[in-house]
Amino acid sequence: MTNRPEVFYAKIMLFGEYSVICDSMGLTIPYAHFKGELSFLNKYRYTDHDFAIDSNKMLREYHTHLKGLHDKGELLCALDLDHFHKDLDKNLFFESTIPQGFGIGSSGALCAAIYQRYAQNKIRSQRNMKQKEVVRLKAIFAQMENYFHGISSGIDPLNCYLKYPLLINGETGIRVVGIPRNKFPGEGAIFLVDTGKPGITQPLVNLFFEKCQNPAFDKLVKETLIPLNNKCIHSLLEGKTDVFFPVLHELSKFQYEHLRPMIPEPVMSIWKAGLDKKVYSLKLCGSGGGGFILGFTKDFEASLKSLKSQGQKVIAVYKNS
């Protein structure tokens, strides 16, 4: 194990939120604007003192959870929990700029950092990983992140750990991919809209599961949502933007009509404006309920002008320069 802290980036799930639970495809990217690392609070560290103390307290509770799994023989990977505990006594905390509850992997980055520092015989991140190693990591990270969300797919910490775009296709079909940027329209962009408040993942995931118990909604998910989601991914990876944007518009419309509880009230009007004017398309980023909303556009300047006029804060994730 190394004492040098490693930085872990946030993640953005471009496509697959909720539908990936029902075996749709998913596409995630690392997002380097926000990041986190394990660090120690001491007299040489200038940081938010109260944040560090609260983080240390949270990590102690998480350590207790992991120790419980270990003692019951249920922990899926060997973690050096004694070393973890000693570090906690040295004021270990997770120094992070990733906003919690905003759908971009704050708990995922933490789980990746814990695994990186304390896992014994760890599976190391590399571009050409064996499929069985990726699947194994996903299972480990799902168990680690369950503590924060109740139910986790393991995708968020996996993406934070590997630091490459990932294409998810079922439980075992996960691979590193490239996204062809040179095929994006000249003024095209991917961006985030800040709703100004965090969301809470577990209640919304539970709500989605409840809605899926309704045969009519379950049919909508399987026959409409999943095909739209998968077609967005295929057309984006193939650089077919003439197909991508019309399908994305339909996906945005589906979420607006059928996943309204997940859309924060402050962005309902701008979401509808995007559907009506077709300058940009919005979709959920994570579970919704708050945090960030994800946007795509062929004309970033026009979208930025429109959204700012409606009082929205916009962060460009990617745009053609």
C-alpha atoms as a PDB file:
ATOM      1  CA  MET A   1       0.000   0.000   0.000  1.00  0.00           C
ATOM      2  CA  THR A   2       1.151   3.494  -0.788  1.00  0.00           C
ATOM      3  CA  ASN A   3       0.906   6.548   1.420  1.00  0.00           C
ATOM      4  CA  ARG A   4       0.539   8.831  -1.578  1.00  0.00           C
ATOM      5  CA  PRO A   5      -3.156   9.741  -1.924  1.00  0.00           C
ATOM      6  CA  GLU A   6      -4.770   8.947  -5.251  1.00  0.00           C
ATOM      7  CA  VAL A   7      -7.398  11.251  -6.684  1.00  0.00           C
ATOM      8  CA  PHE A   8     -10.748   9.837  -7.806  1.00  0.00           C
ATOM      9  CA  TYR A   9     -13.001  11.736 -10.167  1.00  0.00           C
ATOM     10  CA  ALA A  10     -16.740  12.143 -10.131  1.00  0.00           C
ATOM     11  CA  LYS A  11     -18.756  10.253 -12.728  1.00  0.00           C
ATOM     12  CA  ILE A  12     -21.646  11.087 -14.998  1.00  0.00           C
ATOM     13  CA  MET A  13     -24.057   8.438 -16.217  1.00  0.00           C
ATOM     14  CA  LEU A  14     -24.893   9.748 -19.664  1.00  0.00           C
ATOM     15  CA  PHE A  15     -27.529   7.062 -20.204  1.00  0.00           C
ATOM     16  CA  GLY A  16     -29.029   4.238 -18.183  1.00  0.00           C
ATOM     17  CA  GLU A  17     -30.280   5.848 -14.950  1.00  0.00           C
ATOM     18  CA  TYR A  18     -33.154   3.675 -13.675  1.00  0.00           C
ATOM     19  CA  SER A  19     -33.442   1.663 -16.916  1.00  0.00           C
ATOM     20  CA  VAL A  20     -30.113  -0.075 -16.214  1.00  0.00           C
ATOM     21  CA  ILE A  21     -31.861  -1.658 -13.211  1.00  0.00           C
ATOM     22  CA  CYS A  22     -34.115  -3.326 -15.772  1.00  0.00           C
ATOM     23  CA  ASP A  23     -31.207  -4.598 -17.900  1.00  0.00           C
ATOM     24  CA  SER A  24     -30.910  -1.710 -20.346  1.00  0.00           C
ATOM     25  CA  MET A  25     -27.537  -0.559 -21.570  1.00  0.00           C
ATOM     26  CA  GLY A  26     -25.687   2.149 -19.657  1.00  0.00           C
ATOM     27  CA  LEU A  27     -22.947   4.623 -20.535  1.00  0.00           C
ATOM     28  CA  THR A  28     -20.839   6.408 -17.914  1.00  0.00           C
ATOM     29  CA  ILE A  29     -17.896   8.803 -18.097  1.00  0.00           C
ATOM     30  CA  PRO A  30     -15.408  10.064 -15.481  1.00  0.00           C
ATOM     31  CA  TYR A  31     -15.864  13.773 -14.723  1.00  0.00           C
ATOM     32  CA  ALA A  32     -12.617  15.407 -13.649  1.00  0.00           C
ATOM     33  CA  HIS A  33     -14.112  18.784 -12.630  1.00  0.00           C
ATOM     34  CA  PHE A  34     -15.047  17.280  -9.248  1.00  0.00           C
ATOM     35  CA  LYS A  35     -12.753  14.927  -7.345  1.00  0.00           C
ATOM     36  CA  GLY A  36     -11.925  13.428  -3.983  1.00  0.00           C
ATOM     37  CA  GLU A  37      -9.025  11.818  -2.115  1.00  0.00           C
ATOM     38  CA  LEU A  38      -8.337  10.279   1.266  1.00  0.00           C
ATOM     39  CA  SER A  39      -6.278  12.650   3.387  1.00  0.00           C
ATOM     40  CA  PHE A  40      -5.317  13.423   6.986  1.00  0.00           C
ATOM     41  CA  LEU A  41      -6.314  16.422   9.043  1.00  0.00           C
ATOM     42  CA  ASN A  42      -3.237  17.830  10.745  1.00  0.00           C
ATOM     43  CA  LYS A  43      -1.557  21.154  11.488  1.00  0.00           C
ATOM     44  CA  TYR A  44      -0.062  21.246   7.994  1.00  0.00           C
ATOM     45  CA  ARG A  45      -3.402  20.752   6.227  1.00  0.00           C
ATOM     46  CA  TYR A  46      -5.414  23.839   5.332  1.00  0.00           C
ATOM     47  CA  THR A  47      -8.979  22.748   4.638  1.00  0.00           C
ATOM     48  CA  ASP A  48     -12.549  22.972   5.927  1.00  0.00           C
ATOM     49  CA  HIS A  49     -11.989  21.757   9.493  1.00  0.00           C
ATOM     50  CA  ASP A  50     -15.647  21.003  10.285  1.00  0.00           C
ATOM     51  CA  PHE A  51     -16.063  19.114   7.015  1.00  0.00           C
ATOM     52  CA  ALA A  52     -13.000  16.990   7.837  1.00  0.00           C
ATOM     53  CA  ILE A  53     -14.295  16.163  11.336  1.00  0.00           C
ATOM     54  CA  ASP A  54     -17.717  15.182   9.972  1.00  0.00           C
ATOM     55  CA  SER A  55     -16.076  13.090   7.256  1.00  0.00           C
ATOM     56  CA  ASN A  56     -13.925  11.258   9.801  1.00  0.00           C
ATOM     57  CA  LYS A  57     -17.037  10.501  11.860  1.00  0.00           C
ATOM     58  CA  MET A  58     -18.838   9.157   8.785  1.00  0.00           C
ATOM     59  CA  LEU A  59     -15.828   7.007   7.860  1.00  0.00           C
ATOM     60  CA  ARG A  60     -15.797   5.536  11.384  1.00  0.00           C
ATOM     61  CA  GLU A  61     -19.421   4.499  10.945  1.00  0.00           C
ATOM     62  CA  TYR A  62     -18.608   3.059   7.530  1.00  0.00           C
ATOM     63  CA  HIS A  63     -15.664   1.148   9.014  1.00  0.00           C
ATOM     64  CA  THR A  64     -18.033  -0.369  11.587  1.00  0.00           C
ATOM     65  CA  HIS A  65     -20.333  -1.462   8.754  1.00  0.00           C
ATOM     66  CA  LEU A  66     -17.485  -3.083   6.816  1.00  0.00           C
ATOM     67  CA  LYS A  67     -16.183  -4.755   9.974  1.00  0.00           C
ATOM     68  CA  GLY A  68     -19.639  -6.232  10.547  1.00  0.00           C
ATOM     69  CA  LEU A  69     -19.644  -7.721   7.044  1.00  0.00           C
ATOM     70  CA  HIS A  70     -16.122  -9.073   7.616  1.00  0.00           C
ATOM     71  CA  ASP A  71     -17.007 -10.663  10.946  1.00  0.00           C
ATOM     72  CA  LYS A  72     -19.980 -12.426   9.361  1.00  0.00           C
ATOM     73  CA  GLY A  73     -17.783 -13.677   6.516  1.00  0.00           C
ATOM     74  CA  GLU A  74     -19.804 -11.723   3.947  1.00  0.00           C
ATOM     75  CA  LEU A  75     -17.283  -9.126   2.759  1.00  0.00           C
ATOM     76  CA  LEU A  76     -16.523  -9.780  -0.912  1.00  0.00           C
ATOM     77  CA  CYS A  77     -12.945  -8.532  -0.796  1.00  0.00           C
ATOM     78  CA  ALA A  78     -10.146  -8.592   1.761  1.00  0.00           C
ATOM     79  CA  LEU A  79      -9.771  -5.114   3.252  1.00  0.00           C
ATOM     80  CA  ASP A  80      -7.079  -4.218   5.776  1.00  0.00           C
ATOM     81  CA  LEU A  81      -9.588  -2.923   8.303  1.00  0.00           C
ATOM     82  CA  ASP A  82      -6.993  -2.684  11.074  1.00  0.00           C
ATOM     83  CA  HIS A  83      -4.965  -0.272   8.954  1.00  0.00           C
ATOM     84  CA  PHE A  84      -8.168   1.601   8.111  1.00  0.00           C
ATOM     85  CA  HIS A  85      -8.965   1.970  11.837  1.00  0.00           C
ATOM     86  CA  LYS A  86      -5.453   3.193  12.660  1.00  0.00           C
ATOM     87  CA  ASP A  87      -5.732   5.800   9.904  1.00  0.00           C
ATOM     88  CA  LEU A  88      -9.063   6.953  11.323  1.00  0.00           C
ATOM     89  CA  ASP A  89      -7.333   7.529  14.659  1.00  0.00           C
ATOM     90  CA  LYS A  90      -4.868   9.718  12.737  1.00  0.00           C
ATOM     91  CA  ASN A  91      -7.811  11.849  11.546  1.00  0.00           C
ATOM     92  CA  LEU A  92      -8.319  10.298   8.119  1.00  0.00           C
ATOM     93  CA  PHE A  93     -11.062  11.973   6.092  1.00  0.00           C
ATOM     94  CA  PHE A  94     -12.278  12.135   2.504  1.00  0.00           C
ATOM     95  CA  GLU A  95     -11.301  15.495   1.035  1.00  0.00           C
ATOM     96  CA  SER A  96     -13.843  15.975  -1.724  1.00  0.00           C
ATOM     97  CA  THR A  97     -15.268  18.636  -4.005  1.00  0.00           C
ATOM     98  CA  ILE A  98     -17.934  16.233  -5.293  1.00  0.00           C
ATOM     99  CA  PRO A  99     -21.290  17.575  -4.069  1.00  0.00           C
ATOM    100  CA  GLN A 100     -23.264  14.935  -2.185  1.00  0.00           C
ATOM    101  CA  GLY A 101     -26.697  14.038  -3.514  1.00  0.00           C
ATOM    102  CA  PHE A 102     -26.081  15.588  -6.948  1.00  0.00           C
ATOM    103  CA  GLY A 103     -25.970  12.345  -8.929  1.00  0.00           C
ATOM    104  CA  ILE A 104     -22.304  12.417  -9.917  1.00  0.00           C
ATOM    105  CA  GLY A 105     -20.782   9.744  -7.701  1.00  0.00           C
ATOM    106  CA  SER A 106     -19.755  11.212  -4.348  1.00  0.00           C
ATOM    107  CA  SER A 107     -20.145   7.852  -2.594  1.00  0.00           C
ATOM    108  CA  GLY A 108     -18.718   6.060  -5.637  1.00  0.00           C
ATOM    109  CA  ALA A 109     -15.472   8.023  -5.429  1.00  0.00           C
ATOM    110  CA  LEU A 110     -15.252   7.307  -1.696  1.00  0.00           C
ATOM    111  CA  CYS A 111     -15.720   3.550  -2.197  1.00  0.00           C
ATOM    112  CA  ALA A 112     -13.091   3.580  -4.962  1.00  0.00           C
ATOM    113  CA  ALA A 113     -10.645   5.398  -2.669  1.00  0.00           C
ATOM    114  CA  ILE A 114     -11.248   2.973   0.228  1.00  0.00           C
ATOM    115  CA  TYR A 115     -10.742  -0.019  -2.060  1.00  0.00           C
ATOM    116  CA  GLN A 116      -7.587   1.468  -3.591  1.00  0.00           C
ATOM    117  CA  ARG A 117      -5.977   2.141  -0.207  1.00  0.00           C
ATOM    118  CA  TYR A 118      -7.044  -0.866   1.855  1.00  0.00           C
ATOM    119  CA  ALA A 119      -7.858  -3.766  -0.483  1.00  0.00           C
ATOM    120  CA  GLN A 120      -5.451  -6.671  -0.296  1.00  0.00           C
ATOM    121  CA  ASN A 121      -4.641  -8.387  -3.594  1.00  0.00           C
ATOM    122  CA  LYS A 122      -6.601  -5.624  -5.313  1.00  0.00           C
ATOM    123  CA  ILE A 123      -7.635  -5.748  -8.947  1.00  0.00           C
ATOM    124  CA  ARG A 124      -5.741  -2.890 -10.550  1.00  0.00           C
ATOM    125  CA  SER A 125      -7.279  -0.419 -12.973  1.00  0.00           C
ATOM    126  CA  GLN A 126      -6.093  -0.671 -16.568  1.00  0.00           C
ATOM    127  CA  ARG A 127      -7.632  -0.088 -19.971  1.00  0.00           C
ATOM    128  CA  ASN A 128      -7.458  -3.705 -21.184  1.00  0.00           C
ATOM    129  CA  MET A 129      -8.915  -5.508 -18.187  1.00  0.00           C
ATOM    130  CA  LYS A 130     -10.245  -9.039 -18.318  1.00  0.00           C
ATOM    131  CA  GLN A 131     -14.027  -9.200 -18.312  1.00  0.00           C
ATOM    132  CA  LYS A 132     -14.114 -11.380 -15.211  1.00  0.00           C
ATOM    133  CA  GLU A 133     -12.041  -8.791 -13.328  1.00  0.00           C
ATOM    134  CA  VAL A 134     -14.453  -5.996 -14.247  1.00  0.00           C
ATOM    135  CA  VAL A 135     -17.443  -8.096 -13.190  1.00  0.00           C
ATOM    136  CA  ARG A 136     -15.722  -8.995  -9.929  1.00  0.00           C
ATOM    137  CA  LEU A 137     -14.958  -5.345  -9.202  1.00  0.00           C
ATOM    138  CA  LYS A 138     -18.560  -4.364  -9.953  1.00  0.00           C
ATOM    139  CA  ALA A 139     -19.843  -6.893  -7.398  1.00  0.00           C
ATOM    140  CA  ILE A 140     -17.353  -5.695  -4.764  1.00  0.00           C
ATOM    141  CA  PHE A 141     -18.256  -2.055  -5.317  1.00  0.00           C
ATOM    142  CA  ALA A 142     -21.992  -2.801  -5.283  1.00  0.00           C
ATOM    143  CA  GLN A 143     -21.634  -4.308  -1.813  1.00  0.00           C
ATOM    144  CA  MET A 144     -19.470  -1.430  -0.614  1.00  0.00           C
ATOM    145  CA  GLU A 145     -21.865   1.240  -1.882  1.00  0.00           C
ATOM    146  CA  ASN A 146     -25.026  -0.475  -0.625  1.00  0.00           C
ATOM    147  CA  TYR A 147     -24.284   1.201   2.704  1.00  0.00           C
ATOM    148  CA  PHE A 148     -24.981   4.618   1.171  1.00  0.00           C
ATOM    149  CA  HIS A 149     -27.923   3.874  -1.130  1.00  0.00           C
ATOM    150  CA  GLY A 150     -29.576   0.721   0.160  1.00  0.00           C
ATOM    151  CA  ILE A 151     -29.213  -0.864  -3.282  1.00  0.00           C
ATOM    152  CA  SER A 152     -26.271  -0.146  -5.585  1.00  0.00           C
ATOM    153  CA  SER A 153     -25.383  -1.515  -9.007  1.00  0.00           C
ATOM    154  CA  GLY A 154     -21.691  -0.867  -8.315  1.00  0.00           C
ATOM    155  CA  ILE A 155     -21.383   1.105 -11.560  1.00  0.00           C
ATOM    156  CA  ASP A 156     -20.597   4.476  -9.965  1.00  0.00           C
ATOM    157  CA  PRO A 157     -17.589   3.346  -7.886  1.00  0.00           C
ATOM    158  CA  LEU A 158     -16.457   1.131 -10.767  1.00  0.00           C
ATOM    159  CA  ASN A 159     -16.337   4.141 -13.089  1.00  0.00           C
ATOM    160  CA  CYS A 160     -14.623   6.271 -10.436  1.00  0.00           C
ATOM    161  CA  TYR A 161     -12.025   3.545  -9.904  1.00  0.00           C
ATOM    162  CA  LEU A 162     -11.304   2.688 -13.540  1.00  0.00           C
ATOM    163  CA  LYS A 163     -11.413   6.330 -14.771  1.00  0.00           C
ATOM    164  CA  TYR A 164     -12.498   5.381 -18.308  1.00  0.00           C
ATOM    165  CA  PRO A 165     -15.853   5.655 -20.114  1.00  0.00           C
ATOM    166  CA  LEU A 166     -17.752   2.424 -19.547  1.00  0.00           C
ATOM    167  CA  LEU A 167     -20.406   0.718 -21.642  1.00  0.00           C
ATOM    168  CA  ILE A 168     -22.694  -1.469 -19.541  1.00  0.00           C
ATOM    169  CA  ASN A 169     -24.662  -4.186 -21.304  1.00  0.00           C
ATOM    170  CA  GLY A 170     -26.227  -6.480 -18.729  1.00  0.00           C
ATOM    171  CA  GLU A 171     -24.722  -7.755 -15.501  1.00  0.00           C
ATOM    172  CA  THR A 172     -21.577  -9.144 -17.087  1.00  0.00           C
ATOM    173  CA  GLY A 173     -21.181  -7.067 -20.263  1.00  0.00           C
ATOM    174  CA  ILE A 174     -19.049  -4.125 -19.127  1.00  0.00           C
ATOM    175  CA  ARG A 175     -16.200  -2.706 -21.182  1.00  0.00           C
ATOM    176  CA  VAL A 176     -14.128   0.409 -21.665  1.00  0.00           C
ATOM    177  CA  VAL A 177     -15.200   2.439 -24.724  1.00  0.00           C
ATOM    178  CA  GLY A 178     -14.299   5.611 -26.571  1.00  0.00           C
ATOM    179  CA  ILE A 179     -16.828   8.315 -27.449  1.00  0.00           C
ATOM    180  CA  PRO A 180     -16.162   9.867 -30.891  1.00  0.00           C
ATOM    181  CA  ARG A 181     -16.043  13.612 -30.182  1.00  0.00           C
ATOM    182  CA  ASN A 182     -15.120  14.647 -33.727  1.00  0.00           C
ATOM    183  CA  LYS A 183     -18.591  13.581 -34.925  1.00  0.00           C
ATOM    184  CA  PHE A 184     -20.385  15.979 -32.522  1.00  0.00           C
ATOM    185  CA  PRO A 185     -21.961  19.060 -34.176  1.00  0.00           C
ATOM    186  CA  GLY A 186     -19.787  22.181 -34.414  1.00  0.00           C
ATOM    187  CA  GLU A 187     -21.485  24.024 -31.537  1.00  0.00           C
ATOM    188  CA  GLY A 188     -22.604  20.865 -29.759  1.00  0.00           C
ATOM    189  CA  ALA A 189     -22.146  20.299 -26.039  1.00  0.00           C
ATOM    190  CA  ILE A 190     -22.971  18.190 -23.024  1.00  0.00           C
ATOM    191  CA  PHE A 191     -23.741  20.223 -19.906  1.00  0.00           C
ATOM    192  CA  LEU A 192     -25.108  20.127 -16.370  1.00  0.00           C
ATOM    193  CA  VAL A 193     -27.863  22.270 -14.886  1.00  0.00           C
ATOM    194  CA  ASP A 194     -27.508  22.853 -11.141  1.00  0.00           C
ATOM    195  CA  THR A 195     -30.879  22.560  -9.356  1.00  0.00           C
ATOM    196  CA  GLY A 196     -29.346  24.031  -6.209  1.00  0.00           C
ATOM    197  CA  LYS A 197     -30.348  21.265  -3.825  1.00  0.00           C
ATOM    198  CA  PRO A 198     -29.326  17.643  -3.274  1.00  0.00           C
ATOM    199  CA  GLY A 199     -31.516  14.671  -4.063  1.00  0.00           C
ATOM    200  CA  ILE A 200     -31.972  11.516  -1.995  1.00  0.00           C
ATOM    201  CA  THR A 201     -31.351   8.360  -4.002  1.00  0.00           C
ATOM    202  CA  GLN A 202     -32.889   5.500  -2.043  1.00  0.00           C
ATOM    203  CA  PRO A 203     -36.527   6.733  -1.809  1.00  0.00           C
ATOM    204  CA  LEU A 204     -36.590   7.475  -5.546  1.00  0.00           C
ATOM    205  CA  VAL A 205     -35.100   4.092  -6.451  1.00  0.00           C
ATOM    206  CA  ASN A 206     -37.710   2.460  -4.219  1.00  0.00           C
ATOM    207  CA  LEU A 207     -40.412   4.504  -5.968  1.00  0.00           C
ATOM    208  CA  PHE A 208     -39.203   3.321  -9.360  1.00  0.00           C
ATOM    209  CA  PHE A 209     -39.335  -0.305  -8.202  1.00  0.00           C
ATOM    210  CA  GLU A 210     -42.868   0.279  -6.918  1.00  0.00           C
ATOM    211  CA  LYS A 211     -43.932   1.813 -10.236  1.00  0.00           C
ATOM    212  CA  CYS A 212     -42.497  -1.223 -12.051  1.00  0.00           C
ATOM    213  CA  GLN A 213     -44.945  -3.420 -10.131  1.00  0.00           C
ATOM    214  CA  ASN A 214     -47.649  -1.822 -12.261  1.00  0.00           C
ATOM    215  CA  PRO A 215     -47.841  -3.931 -15.464  1.00  0.00           C
ATOM    216  CA  ALA A 216     -48.647  -0.895 -17.611  1.00  0.00           C
ATOM    217  CA  PHE A 217     -45.598   1.024 -16.381  1.00  0.00           C
ATOM    218  CA  ASP A 218     -43.387  -2.050 -16.602  1.00  0.00           C
ATOM    219  CA  LYS A 219     -44.457  -2.428 -20.231  1.00  0.00           C
ATOM    220  CA  LEU A 220     -43.589   1.224 -20.911  1.00  0.00           C
ATOM    221  CA  VAL A 221     -40.124   0.699 -19.446  1.00  0.00           C
ATOM    222  CA  LYS A 222     -39.435  -2.451 -21.457  1.00  0.00           C
ATOM    223  CA  GLU A 223     -41.009  -1.408 -24.763  1.00  0.00           C
ATOM    224  CA  THR A 224     -40.291   2.346 -24.838  1.00  0.00           C
ATOM    225  CA  LEU A 225     -37.749   3.543 -22.267  1.00  0.00           C
ATOM    226  CA  ILE A 226     -35.143   0.805 -22.753  1.00  0.00           C
ATOM    227  CA  PRO A 227     -35.197   0.919 -26.588  1.00  0.00           C
ATOM    228  CA  LEU A 228     -34.864   4.740 -26.538  1.00  0.00           C
ATOM    229  CA  ASN A 229     -32.031   4.552 -24.013  1.00  0.00           C
ATOM    230  CA  ASN A 230     -30.157   1.878 -25.970  1.00  0.00           C
ATOM    231  CA  LYS A 231     -30.615   3.679 -29.288  1.00  0.00           C
ATOM    232  CA  CYS A 232     -29.181   6.871 -27.771  1.00  0.00           C
ATOM    233  CA  ILE A 233     -26.093   4.953 -26.665  1.00  0.00           C
ATOM    234  CA  HIS A 234     -25.609   3.148 -29.974  1.00  0.00           C
ATOM    235  CA  SER A 235     -25.999   6.314 -32.070  1.00  0.00           C
ATOM    236  CA  LEU A 236     -23.694   8.343 -29.794  1.00  0.00           C
ATOM    237  CA  LEU A 237     -20.930   5.723 -29.840  1.00  0.00           C
ATOM    238  CA  GLU A 238     -21.280   5.375 -33.609  1.00  0.00           C
ATOM    239  CA  GLY A 239     -21.126   9.154 -34.074  1.00  0.00           C
ATOM    240  CA  LYS A 240     -24.560   9.231 -35.761  1.00  0.00           C
ATOM    241  CA  THR A 241     -25.727  12.559 -34.350  1.00  0.00           C
ATOM    242  CA  ASP A 242     -28.490  12.829 -36.955  1.00  0.00           C
ATOM    243  CA  VAL A 243     -30.063   9.818 -35.233  1.00  0.00           C
ATOM    244  CA  PHE A 244     -28.916  10.656 -31.711  1.00  0.00           C
ATOM    245  CA  PHE A 245     -30.609  14.007 -31.163  1.00  0.00           C
ATOM    246  CA  PRO A 246     -34.140  13.037 -32.336  1.00  0.00           C
ATOM    247  CA  VAL A 247     -34.056   9.881 -30.192  1.00  0.00           C
ATOM    248  CA  LEU A 248     -32.698  11.868 -27.243  1.00  0.00           C
ATOM    249  CA  HIS A 249     -35.643  14.259 -27.615  1.00  0.00           C
ATOM    250  CA  GLU A 250     -38.033  11.304 -27.290  1.00  0.00           C
ATOM    251  CA  LEU A 251     -36.142  10.017 -24.230  1.00  0.00           C
ATOM    252  CA  SER A 252     -36.380  13.458 -22.620  1.00  0.00           C
ATOM    253  CA  LYS A 253     -40.100  13.518 -23.372  1.00  0.00           C
ATOM    254  CA  PHE A 254     -40.563  10.061 -21.834  1.00  0.00           C
ATOM    255  CA  GLN A 255     -38.856  11.084 -18.598  1.00  0.00           C
ATOM    256  CA  TYR A 256     -40.874  14.314 -18.464  1.00  0.00           C
ATOM    257  CA  GLU A 257     -44.149  12.409 -18.845  1.00  0.00           C
ATOM    258  CA  HIS A 258     -43.454   9.236 -16.857  1.00  0.00           C
ATOM    259  CA  LEU A 259     -40.706  10.024 -14.334  1.00  0.00           C
ATOM    260  CA  ARG A 260     -42.023  13.372 -13.094  1.00  0.00           C
ATOM    261  CA  PRO A 261     -41.460  12.581  -9.376  1.00  0.00           C
ATOM    262  CA  MET A 262     -37.743  12.362 -10.149  1.00  0.00           C
ATOM    263  CA  ILE A 263     -37.620  15.784 -11.835  1.00  0.00           C
ATOM    264  CA  PRO A 264     -37.049  18.663  -9.374  1.00  0.00           C
ATOM    265  CA  GLU A 265     -39.802  21.259  -9.501  1.00  0.00           C
ATOM    266  CA  PRO A 266     -37.407  24.192 -10.241  1.00  0.00           C
ATOM    267  CA  VAL A 267     -36.425  22.653 -13.605  1.00  0.00           C
ATOM    268  CA  MET A 268     -39.846  21.500 -14.795  1.00  0.00           C
ATOM    269  CA  SER A 269     -40.390  24.670 -16.828  1.00  0.00           C
ATOM    270  CA  ILE A 270     -36.958  24.644 -18.480  1.00  0.00           C
ATOM    271  CA  TRP A 271     -37.312  20.925 -19.222  1.00  0.00           C
ATOM    272  CA  LYS A 272     -40.602  21.677 -20.996  1.00  0.00           C
ATOM    273  CA  ALA A 273     -39.014  24.629 -22.821  1.00  0.00           C
ATOM    274  CA  GLY A 274     -36.350  22.288 -24.153  1.00  0.00           C
ATOM    275  CA  LEU A 275     -39.010  19.929 -25.455  1.00  0.00           C
ATOM    276  CA  ASP A 276     -41.022  22.738 -27.044  1.00  0.00           C
ATOM    277  CA  LYS A 277     -38.220  24.797 -28.600  1.00  0.00           C
ATOM    278  CA  LYS A 278     -35.837  21.902 -29.335  1.00  0.00           C
ATOM    279  CA  VAL A 279     -32.754  24.019 -28.595  1.00  0.00           C
ATOM    280  CA  TYR A 280     -31.568  21.543 -25.969  1.00  0.00           C
ATOM    281  CA  SER A 281     -32.731  18.264 -24.399  1.00  0.00           C
ATOM    282  CA  LEU A 282     -32.641  17.539 -20.678  1.00  0.00           C
ATOM    283  CA  LYS A 283     -32.568  14.199 -18.884  1.00  0.00           C
ATOM    284  CA  LEU A 284     -31.957  12.860 -15.408  1.00  0.00           C
ATOM    285  CA  CYS A 285     -28.418  12.695 -14.083  1.00  0.00           C
ATOM    286  CA  GLY A 286     -28.476   9.965 -11.463  1.00  0.00           C
ATOM    287  CA  SER A 287     -31.654   9.330  -9.518  1.00  0.00           C
ATOM    288  CA  GLY A 288     -32.938  12.906  -9.741  1.00  0.00           C
ATOM    289  CA  GLY A 289     -34.989  14.670  -7.109  1.00  0.00           C
ATOM    290  CA  GLY A 290     -32.345  17.405  -6.996  1.00  0.00           C
ATOM    291  CA  GLY A 291     -28.658  17.663  -7.762  1.00  0.00           C
ATOM    292  CA  PHE A 292     -27.700  18.047 -11.413  1.00  0.00           C
ATOM    293  CA  ILE A 293     -29.764  17.619 -14.551  1.00  0.00           C
ATOM    294  CA  LEU A 294     -27.944  16.531 -17.712  1.00  0.00           C
ATOM    295  CA  GLY A 295     -28.318  18.409 -20.976  1.00  0.00           C
ATOM    296  CA  PHE A 296     -27.325  17.925 -24.616  1.00  0.00           C
ATOM    297  CA  THR A 297     -27.445  20.484 -27.394  1.00  0.00           C
ATOM    298  CA  LYS A 298     -26.374  21.181 -30.969  1.00  0.00           C
ATOM    299  CA  ASP A 299     -25.974  24.883 -30.113  1.00  0.00           C
ATOM    300  CA  PHE A 300     -24.420  25.507 -26.714  1.00  0.00           C
ATOM    301  CA  GLU A 301     -24.411  29.328 -26.900  1.00  0.00           C
ATOM    302  CA  ALA A 302     -28.121  29.455 -27.704  1.00  0.00           C
ATOM    303  CA  SER A 303     -28.853  26.936 -24.936  1.00  0.00           C
ATOM    304  CA  LEU A 304     -26.704  28.836 -22.440  1.00  0.00           C
ATOM    305  CA  LYS A 305     -28.469  32.096 -23.265  1.00  0.00           C
ATOM    306  CA  SER A 306     -31.892  30.486 -22.907  1.00  0.00           C
ATOM    307  CA  LEU A 307     -31.114  28.732 -19.624  1.00  0.00           C
ATOM    308  CA  LYS A 308     -29.402  31.731 -18.047  1.00  0.00           C
ATOM    309  CA  SER A 309     -32.378  33.916 -18.952  1.00  0.00           C
ATOM    310  CA  GLN A 310     -34.453  31.463 -16.925  1.00  0.00           C
ATOM    311  CA  GLY A 311     -32.128  31.846 -13.928  1.00  0.00           C
ATOM    312  CA  GLN A 312     -30.270  28.554 -14.345  1.00  0.00           C
ATOM    313  CA  LYS A 313     -26.632  27.802 -13.532  1.00  0.00           C
ATOM    314  CA  VAL A 314     -24.995  25.782 -16.320  1.00  0.00           C
ATOM    315  CA  ILE A 315     -21.694  23.861 -16.299  1.00  0.00           C
ATOM    316  CA  ALA A 316     -20.254  22.634 -19.592  1.00  0.00           C
ATOM    317  CA  VAL A 317     -19.048  19.028 -19.368  1.00  0.00           C
ATOM    318  CA  TYR A 318     -17.941  18.838 -22.975  1.00  0.00           C
ATOM    319  CA  LYS A 319     -18.216  21.194 -25.920  1.00  0.00           C
ATOM    320  CA  ASN A 320     -16.571  21.489 -29.302  1.00  0.00           C
ATOM    321  CA  SER A 321     -13.990  24.262 -29.285  1.00  0.00           C
END
